[in-house]
Amino acid sequence: MRTIMVLNTKGGCGKSTIATNLASYFAYEEELNVVLEDFDPQGSSTEWLKVRPEEYPEITGIRAWKEPVRPPKDTDIVIIDAPAATYGKDMTTLVRRADTILIPVLPSPIDMRAAASFIHDLLLQGKVSRKQTKIAVIANRVRENTLVFHSLEKFLKSLKIPFITTLRDTQNYIRTAERGIGIYEMAPSSVYQDLEQWEPLTKWLRSKRSLPIESK
């Protein structure tokens, strides 16, 4: 069983959007048994699962902020939607659960400064420093060819961790959230740009580069 966590201490950076789309990708495209653990008391991922149509592949949801976290024995992939404002011992406890951590960062000076501080703290975590947990960053809700985007791109490329992909700011993610599905479950003609942007991420997640040393 593999665990992928979407984590950033800054709120509003799109963690739930990425977590739910990852869950739908592994369930729909890879045909794996997926568990979505929602550690965020806001419950955005849990609400997404509530409206998921029955005809789509089942994803098991766990309200991890209020109930025991016990994935079924046949689980292939666990996706963790982590809460904001997680520091100190709480962060250490969460990081221990993950094989891979994805960090979404928004194109704003405030978010970049917050991400720099958060990533500095994350790199000091034992499992991360020993490479028993792999981490990578994603530029999220981006409008390309803007000054702030170029600043974000330069910032992310300056980090000593993989910068995997850029996800655009689009209504498609709002539509999927409303329907309880992911972009891989929408008509390809309406999300082809988004699928192209997700390809580097899914390719990286399928590669050994995203796996902890002990799993290679």
Protein backbone atom coordinates (compact mmCIF):
# COMPACT_ATOMS: atom_id res chain seq x y z
CA MET A 1 0.00 0.00 0.00
CA ARG A 2 1.38 3.37 -1.02
CA THR A 3 0.53 6.71 0.59
CA ILE A 4 0.61 10.04 -1.26
CA MET A 5 -0.02 13.20 0.75
CA VAL A 6 -0.96 16.68 -0.48
CA LEU A 7 0.47 19.05 2.10
CA ASN A 8 1.03 22.77 2.60
CA THR A 9 0.63 24.72 5.84
CA LYS A 10 -0.82 27.63 3.85
CA GLY A 11 -4.59 27.38 3.41
CA GLY A 12 -6.38 27.91 0.11
CA CYS A 13 -3.66 26.52 -2.14
CA GLY A 14 -5.80 23.80 -3.73
CA LYS A 15 -4.84 20.75 -1.67
CA SER A 16 -8.32 19.21 -1.84
CA THR A 17 -8.58 19.76 -5.59
CA ILE A 18 -5.31 17.94 -6.20
CA ALA A 19 -6.11 15.19 -3.67
CA THR A 20 -9.52 14.41 -5.15
CA ASN A 21 -8.22 14.45 -8.72
CA LEU A 22 -5.39 12.13 -7.74
CA ALA A 23 -7.86 9.77 -6.10
CA SER A 24 -10.03 9.71 -9.23
CA TYR A 25 -6.98 9.22 -11.45
CA PHE A 26 -5.80 6.12 -9.60
CA ALA A 27 -9.34 4.72 -9.35
CA TYR A 28 -10.39 5.46 -12.93
CA GLU A 29 -7.19 5.29 -15.00
CA GLU A 30 -5.14 2.79 -12.99
CA GLU A 31 -8.12 0.77 -11.73
CA LEU A 32 -6.67 0.59 -8.21
CA ASN A 33 -8.38 0.36 -4.84
CA VAL A 34 -8.15 3.92 -3.54
CA VAL A 35 -8.69 5.37 -0.08
CA LEU A 36 -9.05 9.13 0.39
CA GLU A 37 -8.16 10.21 3.93
CA ASP A 38 -9.46 13.68 4.72
CA PHE A 39 -7.51 15.15 7.65
CA ASP A 40 -8.89 18.65 7.07
CA PRO A 41 -11.79 19.51 9.42
CA GLN A 42 -13.30 21.59 6.59
CA GLY A 43 -14.07 18.24 4.94
CA SER A 44 -13.78 19.33 1.30
CA SER A 45 -12.62 15.91 0.10
CA THR A 46 -15.32 14.19 2.13
CA GLU A 47 -17.99 16.43 0.60
CA TRP A 48 -16.62 15.61 -2.87
CA LEU A 49 -17.05 11.90 -2.17
CA LYS A 50 -20.63 12.41 -1.00
CA VAL A 51 -21.71 13.57 -4.47
CA ARG A 52 -19.61 11.05 -6.42
CA PRO A 53 -21.91 9.18 -8.86
CA GLU A 54 -22.34 5.43 -8.29
CA GLU A 55 -21.38 4.60 -11.88
CA TYR A 56 -17.81 5.80 -11.34
CA PRO A 57 -15.13 3.67 -9.64
CA GLU A 58 -15.61 3.53 -5.90
CA ILE A 59 -13.25 5.49 -3.67
CA THR A 60 -13.30 4.78 0.06
CA GLY A 61 -13.40 7.90 2.18
CA ILE A 62 -12.16 8.30 5.75
CA ARG A 63 -12.91 11.40 7.80
CA ALA A 64 -9.51 11.20 9.40
CA TRP A 65 -9.95 14.31 11.53
CA LYS A 66 -12.69 12.62 13.58
CA GLU A 67 -12.64 8.83 13.07
CA PRO A 68 -10.07 5.98 13.21
CA VAL A 69 -7.80 5.76 10.18
CA ARG A 70 -8.01 2.10 9.12
CA PRO A 71 -7.81 1.59 5.36
CA PRO A 72 -9.17 -1.75 4.09
CA LYS A 73 -6.57 -4.50 3.69
CA ASP A 74 -6.97 -4.57 -0.09
CA THR A 75 -6.10 -0.86 -0.45
CA ASP A 76 -3.55 -0.08 -3.18
CA ILE A 77 -3.26 3.70 -2.85
CA VAL A 78 -3.99 6.09 0.01
CA ILE A 79 -4.38 9.79 -0.84
CA ILE A 80 -4.15 12.12 2.14
CA ASP A 81 -5.71 15.58 2.06
CA ALA A 82 -3.74 17.28 4.84
CA PRO A 83 -5.01 20.25 6.86
CA ALA A 84 -3.55 23.74 6.76
CA ALA A 85 -1.70 25.26 9.71
CA THR A 86 0.09 22.00 10.54
CA TYR A 87 3.31 22.56 12.47
CA GLY A 88 5.70 20.91 14.90
CA LYS A 89 4.66 17.50 16.22
CA ASP A 90 1.49 17.48 14.11
CA MET A 91 3.55 17.87 10.93
CA THR A 92 5.99 15.18 12.04
CA THR A 93 3.11 12.77 12.69
CA LEU A 94 1.61 13.43 9.26
CA VAL A 95 4.91 13.13 7.41
CA ARG A 96 5.50 9.73 8.98
CA ARG A 97 2.39 8.47 7.20
CA ALA A 98 3.54 9.43 3.69
CA ASP A 99 5.72 7.82 1.05
CA THR A 100 5.35 10.83 -1.26
CA ILE A 101 4.39 14.43 -0.52
CA LEU A 102 3.09 16.90 -3.10
CA ILE A 103 3.22 20.61 -2.27
CA PRO A 104 0.92 22.93 -4.25
CA VAL A 105 2.01 26.58 -4.36
CA LEU A 106 -0.04 29.50 -5.64
CA PRO A 107 1.37 32.39 -7.72
CA SER A 108 1.42 35.13 -5.12
CA PRO A 109 4.25 36.70 -3.07
CA ILE A 110 2.51 35.72 0.18
CA ASP A 111 2.19 32.09 -0.88
CA MET A 112 5.77 31.90 -2.12
CA ARG A 113 7.15 33.29 1.14
CA ALA A 114 4.98 30.90 3.15
CA ALA A 115 6.06 27.97 0.93
CA ALA A 116 9.75 28.80 1.38
CA SER A 117 9.40 28.69 5.17
CA PHE A 118 7.27 25.54 5.11
CA ILE A 119 9.59 23.65 2.75
CA HIS A 120 12.60 24.61 4.90
CA ASP A 121 10.88 23.03 7.93
CA LEU A 122 9.76 20.01 5.90
CA LEU A 123 13.29 19.26 4.69
CA LEU A 124 14.37 18.94 8.32
CA GLN A 125 11.85 16.17 8.99
CA GLY A 126 13.58 12.85 9.59
CA LYS A 127 11.86 10.78 6.91
CA VAL A 128 12.32 13.55 4.34
CA SER A 129 15.97 14.23 5.16
CA ARG A 130 16.70 10.48 4.95
CA LYS A 131 14.75 10.33 1.65
CA GLN A 132 12.33 7.81 3.12
CA THR A 133 9.65 10.25 2.00
CA LYS A 134 9.99 11.95 -1.38
CA ILE A 135 8.66 15.48 -1.93
CA ALA A 136 7.88 17.62 -4.98
CA VAL A 137 6.19 20.93 -5.76
CA ILE A 138 3.37 21.89 -8.11
CA ALA A 139 2.51 25.38 -9.36
CA ASN A 140 -1.25 25.58 -8.92
CA ARG A 141 -4.05 27.86 -10.23
CA VAL A 142 -1.66 29.54 -12.61
CA ARG A 143 -2.37 32.04 -15.36
CA GLU A 144 0.60 31.72 -17.67
CA ASN A 145 2.43 34.64 -19.24
CA THR A 146 1.88 36.85 -16.23
CA LEU A 147 4.64 38.46 -14.18
CA VAL A 148 3.60 36.68 -11.01
CA PHE A 149 3.67 33.32 -12.80
CA HIS A 150 7.22 33.90 -13.99
CA SER A 151 8.18 34.84 -10.43
CA LEU A 152 6.61 31.63 -9.13
CA GLU A 153 8.28 29.53 -11.81
CA LYS A 154 11.67 31.04 -10.97
CA PHE A 155 11.07 30.46 -7.25
CA LEU A 156 10.05 26.81 -7.66
CA LYS A 157 12.98 26.06 -9.96
CA SER A 158 15.33 27.50 -7.34
CA LEU A 159 14.27 24.93 -4.74
CA LYS A 160 16.33 21.83 -4.15
CA ILE A 161 13.35 19.54 -4.77
CA PRO A 162 11.58 18.48 -7.98
CA PHE A 163 9.24 21.01 -9.63
CA ILE A 164 6.88 18.66 -11.45
CA THR A 165 4.21 20.62 -13.31
CA THR A 166 2.03 23.70 -13.63
CA LEU A 167 -1.76 23.45 -13.30
CA ARG A 168 -3.78 26.25 -14.84
CA ASP A 169 -6.57 28.27 -13.29
CA THR A 170 -9.71 26.84 -14.92
CA GLN A 171 -13.41 26.26 -14.24
CA ASN A 172 -12.90 22.57 -15.01
CA TYR A 173 -11.76 21.95 -11.45
CA ILE A 174 -14.87 23.63 -10.10
CA ARG A 175 -17.03 21.46 -12.35
CA THR A 176 -15.35 18.27 -11.17
CA ALA A 177 -15.71 19.32 -7.53
CA GLU A 178 -19.42 19.91 -8.01
CA ARG A 179 -19.94 16.48 -9.62
CA GLY A 180 -17.70 14.35 -7.41
CA ILE A 181 -15.44 13.31 -10.28
CA GLY A 182 -11.96 14.13 -11.56
CA ILE A 183 -10.68 15.59 -14.82
CA TYR A 184 -9.77 12.10 -16.05
CA GLU A 185 -13.45 11.22 -15.79
CA MET A 186 -14.63 14.16 -17.90
CA ALA A 187 -14.93 14.26 -21.68
CA PRO A 188 -11.32 14.45 -22.99
CA SER A 189 -12.28 17.17 -25.48
CA SER A 190 -13.14 19.55 -22.62
CA VAL A 191 -10.07 18.87 -20.46
CA TYR A 192 -7.29 18.07 -22.94
CA GLN A 193 -5.19 21.01 -21.73
CA ASP A 194 -5.52 19.88 -18.14
CA LEU A 195 -4.68 16.27 -18.99
CA GLU A 196 -1.51 17.49 -20.69
CA GLN A 197 -0.55 19.37 -17.53
CA TRP A 198 -1.27 16.36 -15.32
CA GLU A 199 0.82 13.98 -17.44
CA PRO A 200 4.22 15.04 -15.94
CA LEU A 201 2.77 14.57 -12.46
CA THR A 202 1.28 11.13 -13.06
CA LYS A 203 4.42 10.06 -14.91
CA TRP A 204 6.57 11.15 -11.95
CA LEU A 205 4.29 9.36 -9.49
CA ARG A 206 4.58 6.17 -11.54
CA SER A 207 8.38 6.39 -11.57
CA LYS A 208 10.90 5.22 -8.97
CA ARG A 209 11.98 8.84 -8.52
CA SER A 210 8.85 9.48 -6.44
CA LEU A 211 9.32 6.44 -4.22
CA PRO A 212 11.25 6.36 -0.95
CA ILE A 213 14.65 4.71 -0.98
CA GLU A 214 13.44 1.76 1.04
CA SER A 215 10.78 0.99 -1.62
CA LYS A 216 13.15 0.85 -4.59
